[in-house]
C-alpha cells in the first residue's frame, strides 16, 4: 500500500512540475466576427505562465459536423489574416494576436471556424533549473463565428427510430442560420399507440442535451430507449430549448 501511494505521489509531482513549466493560456475561447468594419477584427491573448520561452503557432480551421455531430475541420487560411501567427513568448508574459476576417462580405448563413493556438517544440533559452523529463505541448481551440446580418433560429426533430438495441436514434435539423446550443432542451416523443414521454437532461438525452448544432446542418445521435414507449413502433417528436448562440 505504501509503495503504491509513493508511486501516485511521484506521478503527481511529475505532472505538477511539467504543467507548471509548459502551461500557457489562450483567451477568449469564443469570438464573433462581422463581415466588415471594426467588428471584422478581433484580438486573442496568449499568456505564458511558465518559466521558459515557448513557441506557439496560431491558425484557422473551418468547422463543420458529420452526420453524427462529430466535428470536422479543414484549412481556413483564406478566411483570416493572423498577425503574428508564429510567436516566441517570453516567460511570465503575454502576446496579443490580431485576427482579421477577410472572407465573403455577403453571409446569409453563419460561418463556423476554429482559431487554434498550438504550442510547438522549442528548447533554446529553456531554464536550466526546470529539470523536466517531459515536454507537454498544449493546444487551445477557440470557437469563431462570422454572423449573418439577420439571425434566424430553429431546430426541429426530423426523424426518430428504434435501433432495436435498447437505444433510440433521434435526428435533429438546424433549420436556422446560426449555430444553436441545446441548453435546457426537452424532446417529447409519441409512439403509434399514443404513449407520450418528455425527455430532458444528459441521462435521458445523451449527447443531445447541451450539444452544439451548427447552422444548416443535420445530425443523428442515439439515446437510451425511453420507458413508456412501445418498441418497434413509429414515432413523432418535437423539441423545446432555450435559444443561445454562444460557445
Protein backbone atom coordinates (compact mmCIF):
# COMPACT_ATOMS: atom_id res chain seq x y z
CA UNK A 1 0.00 0.00 0.00
CA UNK A 2 2.80 2.41 0.95
CA UNK A 3 4.59 1.52 -2.30
CA UNK A 4 1.50 2.33 -4.39
CA UNK A 5 0.99 5.60 -2.52
CA UNK A 6 4.60 6.55 -3.23
CA UNK A 7 4.11 5.89 -6.95
CA UNK A 8 0.98 8.06 -7.03
CA UNK A 9 2.77 10.91 -5.26
CA UNK A 10 5.69 10.62 -7.70
CA UNK A 11 3.34 10.77 -10.71
CA UNK A 12 1.52 13.77 -9.24
CA UNK A 13 4.80 15.62 -8.69
CA UNK A 14 5.88 14.94 -12.25
CA UNK A 15 2.58 16.20 -13.68
CA UNK A 16 2.62 19.27 -11.44
CA UNK A 17 6.18 20.10 -12.43
CA UNK A 18 5.53 19.64 -16.15
CA UNK A 19 2.29 21.59 -16.26
CA UNK A 20 3.79 24.45 -14.29
CA UNK A 21 6.74 24.61 -16.72
CA UNK A 22 4.91 24.35 -20.02
CA UNK A 23 1.43 25.81 -19.38
CA UNK A 24 0.01 28.70 -21.39
CA UNK A 25 -3.41 30.30 -21.72
CA UNK A 26 -5.34 31.40 -24.83
CA UNK A 27 -8.30 33.77 -24.45
CA UNK A 28 -11.08 34.33 -25.23
CA UNK A 29 -12.35 30.91 -26.28
CA UNK A 30 -15.33 32.34 -28.20
CA UNK A 31 -15.31 35.24 -30.68
CA UNK A 32 -17.91 36.52 -33.14
CA UNK A 33 -16.87 38.44 -36.25
CA UNK A 34 -18.71 40.86 -38.52
CA UNK A 35 -18.06 40.62 -42.25
CA UNK A 36 -16.61 44.15 -42.37
CA UNK A 37 -15.87 47.20 -40.27
CA UNK A 38 -14.34 47.25 -36.79
CA UNK A 39 -16.13 44.01 -35.84
CA UNK A 40 -14.26 42.07 -38.54
CA UNK A 41 -11.06 42.22 -36.46
CA UNK A 42 -10.68 40.60 -33.06
CA UNK A 43 -7.82 40.03 -30.68
CA UNK A 44 -6.75 36.98 -28.71
CA UNK A 45 -4.27 36.90 -25.83
CA UNK A 46 -1.65 34.21 -25.29
CA UNK A 47 -0.22 34.16 -21.76
CA UNK A 48 2.93 32.20 -20.99
CA UNK A 49 2.58 31.07 -17.36
CA UNK A 50 5.82 29.10 -17.43
CA UNK A 51 9.42 29.97 -16.60
CA UNK A 52 10.60 29.17 -20.13
CA UNK A 53 10.31 30.71 -23.56
CA UNK A 54 7.60 28.91 -25.53
CA UNK A 55 6.75 28.82 -29.24
CA UNK A 56 3.14 29.00 -30.39
CA UNK A 57 1.60 28.79 -33.86
CA UNK A 58 -1.87 30.29 -34.42
CA UNK A 59 -4.01 29.09 -37.33
CA UNK A 60 -7.63 28.97 -38.50
CA UNK A 61 -9.79 25.97 -39.40
CA UNK A 62 -13.21 25.66 -41.00
CA UNK A 63 -15.57 23.94 -38.59
CA UNK A 64 -18.28 21.53 -39.72
CA UNK A 65 -20.05 18.38 -38.42
CA UNK A 66 -20.65 14.94 -39.85
CA UNK A 67 -23.91 13.01 -39.74
CA UNK A 68 -23.32 12.01 -36.11
CA UNK A 69 -22.43 15.51 -34.94
CA UNK A 70 -18.69 14.89 -34.76
CA UNK A 71 -16.57 17.91 -35.62
CA UNK A 72 -14.77 18.04 -38.96
CA UNK A 73 -12.11 20.59 -39.88
CA UNK A 74 -10.32 21.90 -42.96
CA UNK A 75 -7.89 24.71 -43.67
CA UNK A 76 -9.34 28.22 -43.30
CA UNK A 77 -6.27 30.34 -44.02
CA UNK A 78 -8.02 32.14 -46.88
CA UNK A 79 -10.67 33.45 -44.49
CA UNK A 80 -8.38 35.11 -41.94
CA UNK A 81 -5.26 37.20 -41.63
CA UNK A 82 -3.50 36.33 -38.36
CA UNK A 83 -0.76 38.60 -37.01
CA UNK A 84 1.54 37.36 -35.65
CA UNK A 85 0.91 33.70 -36.48
CA UNK A 86 4.22 32.30 -35.21
CA UNK A 87 5.31 33.61 -31.84
CA UNK A 88 8.04 33.22 -29.25
CA UNK A 89 6.65 34.27 -25.87
CA UNK A 90 8.94 35.16 -23.02
CA UNK A 91 8.42 33.64 -19.55
CA UNK A 92 5.60 35.14 -17.48
CA UNK A 93 4.48 37.42 -20.30
CA UNK A 94 1.65 37.82 -22.80
CA UNK A 95 1.25 38.34 -26.53
CA UNK A 96 -1.73 39.88 -28.35
CA UNK A 97 -2.73 38.18 -31.61
CA UNK A 98 -4.88 40.11 -34.10
CA UNK A 99 -7.24 38.05 -36.26
CA UNK A 100 -8.87 39.79 -39.24
CA UNK A 101 -11.73 38.19 -41.18
CA UNK A 102 -11.22 38.55 -44.93
CA UNK A 103 -13.77 36.11 -46.34
CA UNK A 104 -17.02 36.75 -48.24
CA UNK A 105 -18.81 40.01 -47.40
CA UNK A 106 -22.24 38.50 -48.01
CA UNK A 107 -23.06 35.91 -45.35
CA UNK A 108 -26.63 34.64 -45.18
CA UNK A 109 -25.74 31.62 -43.03
CA UNK A 110 -23.29 31.80 -40.15
CA UNK A 111 -19.74 30.62 -40.90
CA UNK A 112 -18.11 28.50 -38.19
CA UNK A 113 -14.37 28.28 -37.53
CA UNK A 114 -11.73 27.30 -35.02
CA UNK A 115 -8.85 29.59 -34.11
CA UNK A 116 -6.14 27.20 -32.92
CA UNK A 117 -3.17 28.12 -30.73
CA UNK A 118 -0.71 25.22 -30.77
CA UNK A 119 2.49 25.05 -28.79
CA UNK A 120 5.40 23.63 -30.80
CA UNK A 121 8.74 22.26 -29.56
CA UNK A 122 11.27 24.94 -28.59
CA UNK A 123 14.33 24.35 -26.43
CA UNK A 124 16.52 27.44 -26.82
CA UNK A 125 16.76 29.51 -23.68
CA UNK A 126 14.94 26.97 -21.52
CA UNK A 127 15.54 27.49 -17.84
CA UNK A 128 18.22 25.02 -16.76
CA UNK A 129 16.61 24.62 -13.34
CA UNK A 130 13.39 23.09 -14.65
CA UNK A 131 14.82 19.54 -14.67
CA UNK A 132 11.76 18.19 -16.51
CA UNK A 133 11.97 14.92 -18.43
CA UNK A 134 8.71 15.59 -20.27
CA UNK A 135 7.57 18.12 -22.84
CA UNK A 136 3.82 18.62 -22.80
CA UNK A 137 2.68 20.71 -25.75
CA UNK A 138 -0.66 22.43 -25.28
CA UNK A 139 -3.33 23.15 -27.89
CA UNK A 140 -6.24 25.56 -27.45
CA UNK A 141 -9.16 25.59 -29.91
CA UNK A 142 -11.31 28.70 -29.74
CA UNK A 143 -14.70 28.98 -31.43
CA UNK A 144 -15.08 31.72 -34.04
CA UNK A 145 -18.28 32.62 -35.85
CA UNK A 146 -18.97 35.07 -38.68
CA UNK A 147 -22.52 36.31 -38.18
CA UNK A 148 -25.17 36.86 -40.86
CA UNK A 149 -26.91 40.24 -40.97
CA UNK A 150 -30.18 38.73 -39.74
CA UNK A 151 -30.37 35.88 -37.24
CA UNK A 152 -32.99 33.17 -37.61
CA UNK A 153 -33.24 30.30 -35.13
CA UNK A 154 -34.89 26.94 -35.47
CA UNK A 155 -34.14 23.33 -34.58
CA UNK A 156 -36.55 20.51 -35.26
CA UNK A 157 -36.71 16.73 -34.90
CA UNK A 158 -36.83 15.29 -38.41
CA UNK A 159 -36.67 11.56 -37.59
CA UNK A 160 -37.00 9.15 -34.66
CA UNK A 161 -36.42 5.39 -34.85
CA UNK A 162 -35.94 2.33 -32.67
CA UNK A 163 -32.43 0.92 -33.16
CA UNK A 164 -33.51 -2.45 -31.76
CA UNK A 165 -30.74 -2.48 -29.13
CA UNK A 166 -32.24 -0.52 -26.23
CA UNK A 167 -31.41 2.77 -27.92
CA UNK A 168 -33.38 5.26 -29.97
CA UNK A 169 -31.98 7.36 -32.83
CA UNK A 170 -33.01 10.99 -32.97
CA UNK A 171 -32.19 13.21 -35.95
CA UNK A 172 -32.09 16.96 -35.46
CA UNK A 173 -32.08 19.60 -38.21
CA UNK A 174 -30.84 23.12 -37.61
CA UNK A 175 -33.18 24.99 -39.92
CA UNK A 176 -31.89 28.37 -38.70
CA UNK A 177 -28.90 30.32 -39.97
CA UNK A 178 -26.80 30.33 -36.77
CA UNK A 179 -25.40 27.59 -34.56
CA UNK A 180 -27.50 26.66 -31.55
CA UNK A 181 -26.58 25.08 -28.24
CA UNK A 182 -29.33 22.89 -26.85
CA UNK A 183 -29.33 24.02 -23.24
CA UNK A 184 -32.35 23.04 -21.13
CA UNK A 185 -33.79 21.15 -24.07
CA UNK A 186 -36.74 18.78 -23.89
CA UNK A 187 -37.78 16.31 -26.55
CA UNK A 188 -41.32 14.94 -26.49
CA UNK A 189 -41.78 11.59 -28.25
CA UNK A 190 -45.09 9.88 -29.05
CA UNK A 191 -45.48 6.34 -30.37
CA UNK A 192 -48.20 5.00 -32.68
CA UNK A 193 -50.33 3.93 -29.71
CA UNK A 194 -50.40 7.49 -28.36
CA UNK A 195 -47.99 6.90 -25.48
CA UNK A 196 -46.03 10.10 -24.86
CA UNK A 197 -42.85 10.82 -22.91
CA UNK A 198 -40.94 14.06 -22.40
CA UNK A 199 -37.19 13.63 -22.14
CA UNK A 200 -34.65 16.05 -20.65
CA UNK A 201 -31.21 16.13 -19.06
CA UNK A 202 -27.97 14.43 -20.03
CA UNK A 203 -29.10 10.99 -18.84
CA UNK A 204 -32.23 10.81 -20.99
CA UNK A 205 -30.87 12.92 -23.87
CA UNK A 206 -27.35 11.53 -24.00
CA UNK A 207 -25.11 13.54 -26.39
CA UNK A 208 -28.02 15.86 -27.23
CA UNK A 209 -28.61 17.96 -24.11
CA UNK A 210 -26.14 20.87 -24.26
CA UNK A 211 -24.87 19.90 -27.72
CA UNK A 212 -23.94 22.45 -30.38
CA UNK A 213 -25.60 22.03 -33.77
CA UNK A 214 -24.08 24.23 -36.45
CA UNK A 215 -26.09 26.35 -38.83
CA UNK A 216 -27.91 24.48 -41.59
CA UNK A 217 -26.65 21.06 -40.54
CA UNK A 218 -28.35 17.82 -39.51
CA UNK A 219 -27.08 15.02 -37.34
CA UNK A 220 -28.31 11.86 -35.64
CA UNK A 221 -27.45 10.70 -32.13
CA UNK A 222 -28.55 7.73 -30.04
CA UNK A 223 -30.21 7.96 -26.64
CA UNK A 224 -31.37 5.26 -24.20
CA UNK A 225 -34.73 3.88 -25.32
CA UNK A 226 -37.32 5.75 -23.20
CA UNK A 227 -39.51 3.92 -20.71
CA UNK A 228 -43.20 4.20 -21.52
CA UNK A 229 -42.93 3.80 -25.31
CA UNK A 230 -43.61 0.71 -27.42
CA UNK A 231 -40.60 -0.92 -29.05
CA UNK A 232 -40.65 -1.21 -32.82
CA UNK A 233 -43.34 1.41 -33.23
CA UNK A 234 -43.38 4.51 -35.39
CA UNK A 235 -42.74 7.79 -33.57
CA UNK A 236 -43.27 11.51 -33.75
CA UNK A 237 -41.24 14.02 -31.77
CA UNK A 238 -40.79 17.72 -31.09
CA UNK A 239 -38.07 19.72 -29.33
CA UNK A 240 -38.13 22.69 -26.98
CA UNK A 241 -34.97 24.51 -25.82
CA UNK A 242 -33.55 27.86 -24.77
CA UNK A 243 -32.13 29.68 -27.75
CA UNK A 244 -28.45 30.64 -27.43
CA UNK A 245 -25.60 31.13 -29.90
CA UNK A 246 -22.62 31.05 -27.56
CA UNK A 247 -19.71 28.57 -27.47
